[in-house]
Amino acid sequence: MDYKQEQIATIHDFGCNLEFLEARTIQLSEESPTAVLIPALYEELERPALAKICEHLGQCEFVRSVVVSLYAQNFQQYVHAVHFFDVLPQKTTIIGKTVAVLLACSKSCVIVGWI
């Protein structure tokens, strides 16, 4: 097993005991919380791969948070993405990566009184 311990960790499975690997990873995550970063285009929400990734992430006891860096064309796509990732049990943050989405989010925050 290779567990590269830096800001971004990489785990490779080279045929080791999977139960031991999972238990050890859960133990390590107690000391150093683990996050998963998912860069995604909005279009990927319509493909089966991202739904499968969410399904597996939902079962990962060692992942504490998920950050999605989303390229969305508009605020409606951003809202759809928020609902798409709501199934995850982890703390999930969706970061919209277009000016239009950022402006719409900030206007919404003003309307509801958050800022």
C-alpha atoms as a PDB file:
ATOM      1  CA  MET A   1       0.000   0.000   0.000  1.00  0.00           C
ATOM      2  CA  ASP A   2       1.197   3.477  -0.832  1.00  0.00           C
ATOM      3  CA  TYR A   3      -0.317   6.255   1.273  1.00  0.00           C
ATOM      4  CA  LYS A   4       1.277   9.492   0.157  1.00  0.00           C
ATOM      5  CA  GLN A   5       0.850  11.890   3.081  1.00  0.00           C
ATOM      6  CA  GLU A   6       0.805  15.424   1.802  1.00  0.00           C
ATOM      7  CA  GLN A   7      -1.893  18.034   1.338  1.00  0.00           C
ATOM      8  CA  ILE A   8      -3.443  15.712  -1.242  1.00  0.00           C
ATOM      9  CA  ALA A   9      -3.133  11.996  -0.437  1.00  0.00           C
ATOM     10  CA  THR A  10      -2.982   9.237  -3.004  1.00  0.00           C
ATOM     11  CA  ILE A  11      -3.913   5.674  -2.072  1.00  0.00           C
ATOM     12  CA  HIS A  12      -3.065   2.750  -4.334  1.00  0.00           C
ATOM     13  CA  ASP A  13      -4.228  -0.836  -3.846  1.00  0.00           C
ATOM     14  CA  PHE A  14      -1.484  -3.259  -4.792  1.00  0.00           C
ATOM     15  CA  GLY A  15      -3.277  -6.407  -3.659  1.00  0.00           C
ATOM     16  CA  CYS A  16      -3.065  -5.859   0.082  1.00  0.00           C
ATOM     17  CA  ASN A  17      -5.652  -6.895   2.663  1.00  0.00           C
ATOM     18  CA  LEU A  18      -8.609  -4.641   1.813  1.00  0.00           C
ATOM     19  CA  GLU A  19     -10.216  -4.967   5.261  1.00  0.00           C
ATOM     20  CA  PHE A  20      -6.984  -3.898   6.942  1.00  0.00           C
ATOM     21  CA  LEU A  21      -6.568  -1.037   4.464  1.00  0.00           C
ATOM     22  CA  GLU A  22     -10.086   0.237   5.127  1.00  0.00           C
ATOM     23  CA  ALA A  23      -9.738  -0.047   8.922  1.00  0.00           C
ATOM     24  CA  ARG A  24      -6.384   1.746   8.846  1.00  0.00           C
ATOM     25  CA  THR A  25      -7.750   4.472   6.577  1.00  0.00           C
ATOM     26  CA  ILE A  26     -10.686   5.035   8.943  1.00  0.00           C
ATOM     27  CA  GLN A  27      -8.234   5.236  11.838  1.00  0.00           C
ATOM     28  CA  LEU A  28      -6.051   7.758   9.993  1.00  0.00           C
ATOM     29  CA  SER A  29      -9.084   9.850   9.105  1.00  0.00           C
ATOM     30  CA  GLU A  30      -9.821  10.323  12.803  1.00  0.00           C
ATOM     31  CA  GLU A  31      -6.446  12.024  13.191  1.00  0.00           C
ATOM     32  CA  SER A  32      -6.412  13.769   9.816  1.00  0.00           C
ATOM     33  CA  PRO A  33      -9.885  14.308   8.335  1.00  0.00           C
ATOM     34  CA  THR A  34     -10.141  13.259   4.713  1.00  0.00           C
ATOM     35  CA  ALA A  35     -11.764  15.230   1.895  1.00  0.00           C
ATOM     36  CA  VAL A  36     -12.448  14.332  -1.713  1.00  0.00           C
ATOM     37  CA  LEU A  37     -12.220  16.967  -4.439  1.00  0.00           C
ATOM     38  CA  ILE A  38     -14.376  16.380  -7.520  1.00  0.00           C
ATOM     39  CA  PRO A  39     -13.810  18.699 -10.483  1.00  0.00           C
ATOM     40  CA  ALA A  40     -16.876  18.462 -12.736  1.00  0.00           C
ATOM     41  CA  LEU A  41     -18.621  20.000 -15.678  1.00  0.00           C
ATOM     42  CA  TYR A  42     -22.375  20.367 -15.235  1.00  0.00           C
ATOM     43  CA  GLU A  43     -22.904  17.920 -18.121  1.00  0.00           C
ATOM     44  CA  GLU A  44     -21.280  15.174 -16.050  1.00  0.00           C
ATOM     45  CA  LEU A  45     -24.284  15.167 -13.699  1.00  0.00           C
ATOM     46  CA  GLU A  46     -26.267  13.612 -16.563  1.00  0.00           C
ATOM     47  CA  ARG A  47     -23.782  10.746 -17.037  1.00  0.00           C
ATOM     48  CA  PRO A  48     -23.813   7.517 -15.002  1.00  0.00           C
ATOM     49  CA  ALA A  49     -20.208   7.770 -13.784  1.00  0.00           C
ATOM     50  CA  LEU A  50     -20.775  10.639 -11.345  1.00  0.00           C
ATOM     51  CA  ALA A  51     -23.859   8.968  -9.847  1.00  0.00           C
ATOM     52  CA  LYS A  52     -21.771   5.825  -9.315  1.00  0.00           C
ATOM     53  CA  ILE A  53     -19.012   7.866  -7.666  1.00  0.00           C
ATOM     54  CA  CYS A  54     -21.599   9.388  -5.296  1.00  0.00           C
ATOM     55  CA  GLU A  55     -22.942   5.914  -4.520  1.00  0.00           C
ATOM     56  CA  HIS A  56     -19.483   4.697  -3.520  1.00  0.00           C
ATOM     57  CA  LEU A  57     -18.598   7.885  -1.636  1.00  0.00           C
ATOM     58  CA  GLY A  58     -21.760   7.473   0.408  1.00  0.00           C
ATOM     59  CA  GLN A  59     -20.326   4.213   1.738  1.00  0.00           C
ATOM     60  CA  CYS A  60     -16.859   5.600   2.545  1.00  0.00           C
ATOM     61  CA  GLU A  61     -16.601   5.918   6.310  1.00  0.00           C
ATOM     62  CA  PHE A  62     -13.192   7.578   6.076  1.00  0.00           C
ATOM     63  CA  VAL A  63     -14.253  10.494   3.856  1.00  0.00           C
ATOM     64  CA  ARG A  64     -15.318  13.410   6.064  1.00  0.00           C
ATOM     65  CA  SER A  65     -16.114  16.001   3.394  1.00  0.00           C
ATOM     66  CA  VAL A  66     -16.585  16.381  -0.346  1.00  0.00           C
ATOM     67  CA  VAL A  67     -15.759  19.501  -2.347  1.00  0.00           C
ATOM     68  CA  VAL A  68     -17.149  19.782  -5.872  1.00  0.00           C
ATOM     69  CA  SER A  69     -15.566  22.333  -8.173  1.00  0.00           C
ATOM     70  CA  LEU A  70     -18.401  22.750 -10.669  1.00  0.00           C
ATOM     71  CA  TYR A  71     -18.394  24.539 -13.992  1.00  0.00           C
ATOM     72  CA  ALA A  72     -22.035  25.537 -14.448  1.00  0.00           C
ATOM     73  CA  GLN A  73     -23.473  27.878 -17.063  1.00  0.00           C
ATOM     74  CA  ASN A  74     -26.101  29.440 -14.788  1.00  0.00           C
ATOM     75  CA  PHE A  75     -27.582  29.475 -11.304  1.00  0.00           C
ATOM     76  CA  GLN A  76     -30.221  26.843 -12.151  1.00  0.00           C
ATOM     77  CA  GLN A  77     -27.498  24.357 -13.059  1.00  0.00           C
ATOM     78  CA  TYR A  78     -25.729  25.158  -9.789  1.00  0.00           C
ATOM     79  CA  VAL A  79     -28.938  24.526  -7.799  1.00  0.00           C
ATOM     80  CA  HIS A  80     -29.475  21.242  -9.660  1.00  0.00           C
ATOM     81  CA  ALA A  81     -25.927  20.198  -8.731  1.00  0.00           C
ATOM     82  CA  VAL A  82     -26.548  21.019  -5.066  1.00  0.00           C
ATOM     83  CA  HIS A  83     -29.591  18.726  -5.124  1.00  0.00           C
ATOM     84  CA  PHE A  84     -27.645  16.044  -7.023  1.00  0.00           C
ATOM     85  CA  PHE A  85     -24.978  15.863  -4.303  1.00  0.00           C
ATOM     86  CA  ASP A  86     -27.496  16.065  -1.414  1.00  0.00           C
ATOM     87  CA  VAL A  87     -27.474  12.250  -1.273  1.00  0.00           C
ATOM     88  CA  LEU A  88     -23.971  12.257   0.212  1.00  0.00           C
ATOM     89  CA  PRO A  89     -23.777  11.792   3.984  1.00  0.00           C
ATOM     90  CA  GLN A  90     -20.556  13.811   4.180  1.00  0.00           C
ATOM     91  CA  LYS A  91     -20.373  17.582   4.504  1.00  0.00           C
ATOM     92  CA  THR A  92     -20.503  18.645   0.848  1.00  0.00           C
ATOM     93  CA  THR A  93     -19.488  22.002  -0.612  1.00  0.00           C
ATOM     94  CA  ILE A  94     -20.293  22.951  -4.211  1.00  0.00           C
ATOM     95  CA  ILE A  95     -18.125  25.710  -5.670  1.00  0.00           C
ATOM     96  CA  GLY A  96     -19.569  27.287  -8.824  1.00  0.00           C
ATOM     97  CA  LYS A  97     -16.802  28.335 -11.196  1.00  0.00           C
ATOM     98  CA  THR A  98     -18.430  30.970 -13.417  1.00  0.00           C
ATOM     99  CA  VAL A  99     -19.036  34.637 -12.837  1.00  0.00           C
ATOM    100  CA  ALA A 100     -22.760  34.259 -13.578  1.00  0.00           C
ATOM    101  CA  VAL A 101     -23.151  31.569 -10.916  1.00  0.00           C
ATOM    102  CA  LEU A 102     -21.131  33.526  -8.352  1.00  0.00           C
ATOM    103  CA  LEU A 103     -23.179  36.675  -8.941  1.00  0.00           C
ATOM    104  CA  ALA A 104     -26.470  34.772  -8.695  1.00  0.00           C
ATOM    105  CA  CYS A 105     -25.323  33.074  -5.470  1.00  0.00           C
ATOM    106  CA  SER A 106     -24.325  36.375  -3.891  1.00  0.00           C
ATOM    107  CA  LYS A 107     -27.659  37.977  -4.884  1.00  0.00           C
ATOM    108  CA  SER A 108     -29.521  35.026  -3.372  1.00  0.00           C
ATOM    109  CA  CYS A 109     -27.544  35.384  -0.151  1.00  0.00           C
ATOM    110  CA  VAL A 110     -28.473  39.083   0.036  1.00  0.00           C
ATOM    111  CA  ILE A 111     -32.146  38.296  -0.571  1.00  0.00           C
ATOM    112  CA  VAL A 112     -32.308  35.754   2.267  1.00  0.00           C
ATOM    113  CA  GLY A 113     -30.263  38.014   4.554  1.00  0.00           C
ATOM    114  CA  TRP A 114     -27.064  35.959   4.813  1.00  0.00           C
ATOM    115  CA  ILE A 115     -24.950  38.946   3.710  1.00  0.00           C
END
